[in-house]
Protein backbone atom coordinates (compact mmCIF):
# COMPACT_ATOMS: atom_id res chain seq x y z
CA UNK A 1 8.02 19.39 -7.89
CA UNK A 2 8.87 19.33 -4.32
CA UNK A 3 11.63 19.84 -2.11
CA UNK A 4 11.56 16.15 0.01
CA UNK A 5 9.94 12.75 -0.26
CA UNK A 6 9.83 9.99 2.27
CA UNK A 7 9.76 6.53 0.31
CA UNK A 8 7.67 3.61 1.16
CA UNK A 9 8.56 0.08 0.35
CA UNK A 10 5.48 -2.40 -0.41
CA UNK A 11 7.87 -5.55 0.88
CA UNK A 12 5.79 -8.68 -0.81
CA UNK A 13 1.99 -8.27 -1.53
CA UNK A 14 -0.20 -10.80 -1.43
CA UNK A 15 -0.65 -12.34 -4.97
CA UNK A 16 1.32 -14.67 -7.33
CA UNK A 17 4.54 -12.45 -8.03
CA UNK A 18 6.10 -15.14 -5.39
CA UNK A 19 6.31 -17.49 -8.06
CA UNK A 20 7.89 -15.28 -10.01
CA UNK A 21 11.18 -14.11 -8.17
CA UNK A 22 12.85 -15.63 -5.78
CA UNK A 23 13.72 -12.41 -3.84
CA UNK A 24 9.62 -11.81 -2.78
CA UNK A 25 9.59 -12.61 0.84
CA UNK A 26 7.03 -15.73 2.23
CA UNK A 27 7.80 -16.29 5.73
CA UNK A 28 7.23 -13.74 8.42
CA UNK A 29 11.34 -13.62 8.97
CA UNK A 30 11.79 -13.53 5.62
CA UNK A 31 9.19 -10.23 4.79
CA UNK A 32 10.53 -8.70 8.34
CA UNK A 33 14.37 -8.97 7.02
CA UNK A 34 13.33 -7.65 3.65
CA UNK A 35 11.78 -4.53 5.51
CA UNK A 36 14.95 -3.79 7.21
CA UNK A 37 16.98 -4.40 4.41
CA UNK A 38 14.85 -1.79 2.37
CA UNK A 39 14.73 0.51 5.28
CA UNK A 40 18.32 1.01 5.82
CA UNK A 41 18.56 1.79 1.96
CA UNK A 42 16.37 4.89 2.37
CA UNK A 43 12.56 3.58 3.01
CA UNK A 44 11.32 5.92 5.51
CA UNK A 45 7.59 3.42 5.44
CA UNK A 46 7.44 -0.16 4.89
CA UNK A 47 3.74 -1.60 3.56
CA UNK A 48 3.47 -4.92 4.90
CA UNK A 49 1.15 -7.76 3.90
CA UNK A 50 1.52 -11.60 4.79
CA UNK A 51 1.61 -14.76 3.00
CA UNK A 52 0.42 -18.08 4.28
CA UNK A 53 3.03 -20.64 4.63
CA UNK A 54 1.33 -23.67 2.40
CA UNK A 55 0.06 -21.26 -0.45
CA UNK A 56 2.28 -18.37 -0.24
CA UNK A 57 -0.47 -16.22 -1.04
CA UNK A 58 -2.00 -13.23 0.98
CA UNK A 59 -3.36 -14.06 4.47
CA UNK A 60 -5.21 -11.85 7.16
CA UNK A 61 -3.68 -14.45 10.42
CA UNK A 62 -2.98 -11.81 13.37
CA UNK A 63 0.29 -14.42 14.15
CA UNK A 64 1.83 -13.27 11.20
CA UNK A 65 1.13 -9.91 11.60
CA UNK A 66 2.20 -10.17 14.95
CA UNK A 67 5.99 -11.47 14.23
CA UNK A 68 6.62 -9.22 11.32
CA UNK A 69 5.74 -6.47 13.50
CA UNK A 70 7.63 -7.51 16.66
CA UNK A 71 10.57 -8.28 14.47
CA UNK A 72 10.48 -4.68 13.02
CA UNK A 73 9.93 -2.96 16.46
CA UNK A 74 13.08 -4.21 17.30
CA UNK A 75 15.11 -3.87 15.09
CA UNK A 76 17.58 -1.11 15.11
CA UNK A 77 16.22 0.75 12.15
CA UNK A 78 12.75 1.22 13.47
CA UNK A 79 10.66 1.76 10.09
CA UNK A 80 7.18 3.67 9.94
CA UNK A 81 4.54 0.50 9.99
CA UNK A 82 2.13 0.86 7.17
CA UNK A 83 -0.46 -2.40 7.57
CA UNK A 84 -2.28 -3.49 5.29
CA UNK A 85 -6.38 -3.96 5.65
CA UNK A 86 -6.67 -5.00 1.53
CA UNK A 87 -7.86 -8.74 2.36
CA UNK A 88 -11.27 -9.30 3.36
CA UNK A 89 -13.08 -7.83 0.25
CA UNK A 90 -12.51 -10.41 -2.62
CA UNK A 91 -15.25 -11.90 -4.47
CA UNK A 92 -14.78 -14.18 -7.41
CA UNK A 93 -18.17 -15.12 -9.29
CA UNK A 94 -19.01 -17.87 -11.16
CA UNK A 95 -19.29 -16.60 -14.58
CA UNK A 96 -21.09 -14.63 -16.90
CA UNK A 97 -24.15 -16.96 -17.18
CA UNK A 98 -24.06 -17.63 -13.69
CA UNK A 99 -22.62 -15.41 -11.39
CA UNK A 100 -24.02 -16.76 -8.13
CA UNK A 101 -22.86 -18.75 -6.35
CA UNK A 102 -19.63 -17.03 -6.23
CA UNK A 103 -16.56 -19.13 -7.09
CA UNK A 104 -15.16 -20.41 -3.69
CA UNK A 105 -11.14 -20.32 -5.20
CA UNK A 106 -10.57 -16.89 -4.51
CA UNK A 107 -13.87 -15.41 -2.64
CA UNK A 108 -13.20 -14.19 1.17
CA UNK A 109 -15.67 -11.51 2.30
CA UNK A 110 -15.59 -10.77 6.12
CA UNK A 111 -17.01 -8.32 7.85
CA UNK A 112 -15.26 -4.95 8.64
CA UNK A 113 -14.50 -5.33 12.26
CA UNK A 114 -12.83 -8.50 11.12
CA UNK A 115 -10.36 -6.74 8.80
CA UNK A 116 -9.08 -4.37 11.25
CA UNK A 117 -8.41 -7.42 13.76
CA UNK A 118 -4.11 -7.11 13.58
CA UNK A 119 -4.31 -3.32 13.32
CA UNK A 120 -5.92 -3.14 16.47
CA UNK A 121 -4.05 -5.66 18.04
CA UNK A 122 -0.34 -4.20 17.01
CA UNK A 123 -1.61 -0.49 16.57
CA UNK A 124 1.03 0.45 13.72
CA UNK A 125 1.43 4.18 12.60
CA UNK A 126 -0.43 3.67 9.01
CA UNK A 127 -2.67 1.29 7.65
CA UNK A 128 -4.31 1.53 4.05
CA UNK A 129 -7.90 1.96 3.70
CA UNK A 130 -8.89 0.63 0.12
CA UNK A 131 -11.11 3.69 -1.72
CA UNK A 132 -13.85 1.73 -3.49
CA UNK A 133 -13.85 -1.71 -5.75
CA UNK A 134 -12.96 -2.49 -8.99
CA UNK A 135 -12.53 -5.44 -11.59
CA UNK A 136 -8.76 -6.90 -11.10
CA UNK A 137 -7.69 -8.16 -14.41
CA UNK A 138 -9.75 -9.93 -17.15
CA UNK A 139 -11.05 -12.33 -14.83
CA UNK A 140 -13.91 -12.84 -12.30
CA UNK A 141 -12.24 -11.28 -9.57
CA UNK A 142 -13.44 -8.24 -8.07
CA UNK A 143 -11.82 -6.08 -4.99
CA UNK A 144 -15.38 -5.05 -3.39
CA UNK A 145 -15.15 -2.35 -0.88
CA UNK A 146 -18.75 -0.70 0.00
CA UNK A 147 -18.68 2.88 1.34
CA UNK A 148 -20.75 1.60 4.32
CA UNK A 149 -17.64 -0.66 4.99
CA UNK A 150 -15.56 2.00 4.50
CA UNK A 151 -17.09 4.00 6.65
CA UNK A 152 -17.27 1.80 9.46
CA UNK A 153 -13.32 1.30 9.30
CA UNK A 154 -12.16 4.71 8.67
CA UNK A 155 -14.30 5.69 11.79
CA UNK A 156 -12.79 2.50 14.06
CA UNK A 157 -9.28 3.72 13.07
CA UNK A 158 -10.28 7.03 13.84
CA UNK A 159 -10.94 5.45 17.45
CA UNK A 160 -7.67 3.94 17.92
CA UNK A 161 -5.56 6.67 16.36
CA UNK A 162 -4.49 4.69 13.82
CA UNK A 163 -3.59 7.11 10.77
CA UNK A 164 -5.46 5.75 7.46
CA UNK A 165 -3.69 6.08 4.23
CA UNK A 166 -6.25 6.43 1.41
CA UNK A 167 -5.73 3.79 -1.91
CA UNK A 168 -7.09 5.25 -4.53
CA UNK A 169 -6.59 3.00 -7.79
CA UNK A 170 -9.80 5.03 -10.05
CA UNK A 171 -10.81 8.27 -10.26
CA UNK A 172 -13.82 7.17 -8.81
CA UNK A 173 -12.74 6.24 -5.57
CA UNK A 174 -11.60 10.30 -5.06
CA UNK A 175 -15.48 10.40 -4.52
CA UNK A 176 -14.93 8.35 -1.02
CA UNK A 177 -11.89 10.23 -0.28
CA UNK A 178 -13.61 13.35 -0.44
CA UNK A 179 -16.96 12.29 1.49
CA UNK A 180 -15.05 10.50 4.31
CA UNK A 181 -12.62 14.08 4.67
CA UNK A 182 -16.55 15.64 4.83
CA UNK A 183 -18.01 13.82 7.34
CA UNK A 184 -14.79 14.25 9.53
CA UNK A 185 -13.88 10.67 9.22
CA UNK A 186 -10.49 11.62 7.77
CA UNK A 187 -8.79 14.42 9.94
CA UNK A 188 -5.71 14.24 7.91
CA UNK A 189 -5.95 12.89 4.28
CA UNK A 190 -2.96 10.81 3.42
CA UNK A 191 -3.80 9.39 -0.11
CA UNK A 192 -2.01 6.83 -1.94
CA UNK A 193 -2.33 7.05 -5.90
CA UNK A 194 -2.09 3.32 -7.15
CA UNK A 195 -1.73 3.89 -10.63
CA UNK A 196 -1.10 1.16 -13.79
CA UNK A 197 -3.17 -1.48 -12.70
CA UNK A 198 -5.40 -2.74 -15.55
CA UNK A 199 -9.41 -1.49 -15.00
CA UNK A 200 -7.40 1.33 -13.14
CA UNK A 201 -6.28 4.65 -13.56
CA UNK A 202 -3.75 4.45 -16.22
CA UNK A 203 -0.44 5.42 -15.76
CA UNK A 204 0.28 8.65 -17.86
CA UNK A 205 1.01 11.90 -16.39
CA UNK A 206 -2.45 13.75 -17.64
CA UNK A 207 -4.27 11.07 -15.85
CA UNK A 208 -2.38 11.43 -12.63
CA UNK A 209 -2.44 15.09 -12.35
CA UNK A 210 -5.99 15.35 -12.80
CA UNK A 211 -6.36 13.30 -9.67
CA UNK A 212 -3.87 15.37 -7.83
CA UNK A 213 -5.26 18.20 -8.50
CA UNK A 214 -8.86 16.90 -6.90
CA UNK A 215 -7.54 15.90 -3.57
CA UNK A 216 -8.76 17.57 -0.92
CA UNK A 217 -7.23 20.82 0.70
CA UNK A 218 -4.21 19.71 3.10
CA UNK A 219 -3.89 15.95 1.62
CA UNK A 220 -0.21 14.52 1.40
CA UNK A 221 -0.05 12.45 -1.37
CA UNK A 222 2.12 9.44 -2.84
CA UNK A 223 1.99 7.80 -5.91
CA UNK A 224 3.72 4.30 -7.63
CA UNK A 225 2.60 2.39 -10.83
CA UNK A 226 3.11 -1.19 -11.56
CA UNK A 227 5.74 -3.28 -13.98
CA UNK A 228 8.30 -1.05 -15.85
CA UNK A 229 7.06 2.06 -15.05
CA UNK A 230 7.63 2.01 -11.19
CA UNK A 231 11.23 3.62 -11.77
CA UNK A 232 9.92 6.29 -13.80
CA UNK A 233 6.71 7.16 -11.67
CA UNK A 234 9.69 7.85 -8.75
CA UNK A 235 10.33 11.01 -10.31
CA UNK A 236 6.69 11.46 -11.17
CA UNK A 237 4.98 11.22 -8.01
CA UNK A 238 7.94 13.98 -7.04
CA UNK A 239 6.79 15.67 -9.92
CA UNK A 240 3.44 15.76 -9.19
CA UNK A 241 4.47 16.95 -5.40
CA UNK A 242 3.94 13.68 -3.68
CA UNK A 243 6.11 10.83 -2.17
CA UNK A 244 7.31 7.79 -3.54
CA UNK A 245 6.17 3.94 -3.31
CA UNK A 246 8.71 1.08 -4.43
CA UNK A 247 9.16 -2.82 -3.48
CA UNK A 248 8.57 -6.19 -5.00
CA UNK A 249 4.38 -6.20 -4.81
CA UNK A 250 4.30 -3.76 -7.50
CA UNK A 251 7.53 -4.68 -9.94
CA UNK A 252 9.81 -7.62 -9.78
CA UNK A 253 12.61 -6.31 -11.86
CA UNK A 254 15.38 -3.76 -11.40
CA UNK A 255 15.85 -3.80 -15.16
CA UNK A 256 15.28 -5.93 -17.75
CA UNK A 257 15.57 -9.61 -17.07
CA UNK A 258 16.77 -8.19 -13.83
CA UNK A 259 15.41 -9.76 -11.05
CA UNK A 260 15.77 -6.97 -7.77
CA UNK A 261 15.27 -7.06 -4.01
CA UNK A 262 13.32 -4.73 -2.29
CA UNK A 263 16.78 -2.45 -1.24
CA UNK A 264 18.02 -2.53 -4.79
CA UNK A 265 14.43 -0.57 -5.52
CA UNK A 266 14.90 1.80 -2.71
CA UNK A 267 18.52 2.60 -3.56
CA UNK A 268 17.45 3.09 -7.08
CA UNK A 269 14.81 5.23 -5.45
CA UNK A 270 17.05 7.07 -3.47
CA UNK A 271 19.37 7.38 -6.36
CA UNK A 272 16.49 9.17 -8.70
CA UNK A 273 15.50 11.39 -5.73
CA UNK A 274 18.78 13.15 -5.49
CA UNK A 275 19.24 13.28 -9.23
CA UNK A 276 16.43 15.87 -9.29
CA UNK A 277 17.46 17.40 -6.23
CA UNK A 278 14.51 16.05 -3.72
CA UNK A 279 15.86 15.13 -0.11
CA UNK A 280 14.68 11.82 1.40
CA UNK A 281 13.30 12.31 4.59
CA UNK A 282 14.04 9.61 7.40
CA UNK A 283 11.44 7.71 9.55
CA UNK A 284 11.49 9.85 12.13
CA UNK A 285 11.08 12.78 10.10
CA UNK A 286 8.19 11.00 8.51
CA UNK A 287 6.45 10.46 11.66
CA UNK A 288 6.96 14.31 12.60
CA UNK A 289 5.85 15.12 9.08
CA UNK A 290 2.31 13.06 9.55
CA UNK A 291 2.10 13.67 13.15
CA UNK A 292 2.17 9.83 14.09
CA UNK A 293 1.56 8.36 16.99
CA UNK A 294 4.26 5.76 17.96
CA UNK A 295 3.71 2.50 19.97
CA UNK A 296 6.16 -0.05 21.09
């Protein structure tokens, strides 16, 4: 177990969770305010998706990211900003007997460069890179991230000086982590273990530790699980030697039947870490720990 850890708050995500809780933020102002509240509660890092005002689903629109980031940078809490690059690799097939053409509802495939437009403009300190393809749920949707695409994105992120957080959803994604590090495309491995997502890695401690034990030397890792296992994983992540992620992207409840806000989830995580003797790091301490490049 480590003696200190940082908390990331995954503020909103891109899925249908907005339909199940009034606390999931949608507009740029709501997303920024929720992130600021989470930072005041103890989150050093805020992981940001944005949402379309009409559909309320995830969006890649740079103007939406621009407003959120500008609001965060103008705030008095100054959290470390972590932007997603996950959208743009969404494939929904046509069905078992006629997979092609893809179903246009749920399919959005764009190139590596286009997936980084908002990152190149806004230059956050961190952005994510999903380290492989995976079935999500038992429908026809597949998250697509081929190695050539990830390689090109990682190379560009290294050029512009944005630290890449490598999102690992299953054990096979560790091949991507090791290959990117081996090729020199990732100099400083920052890895997020995404556990408990159906058809990815299960949330049991054995699987988590097997994955942690295969990380490249010198890696800094975090771990989370979705749903009711989010809070147990606060302690689990620290026990594995890692950092913590909570937030409404991954879980909507503080307890059975009690819908949470992002700030409440962060407060609960702070209490858990404090209770097991783990000090929570501030944003500036995370910047120093990860040697982040700060832009205004």
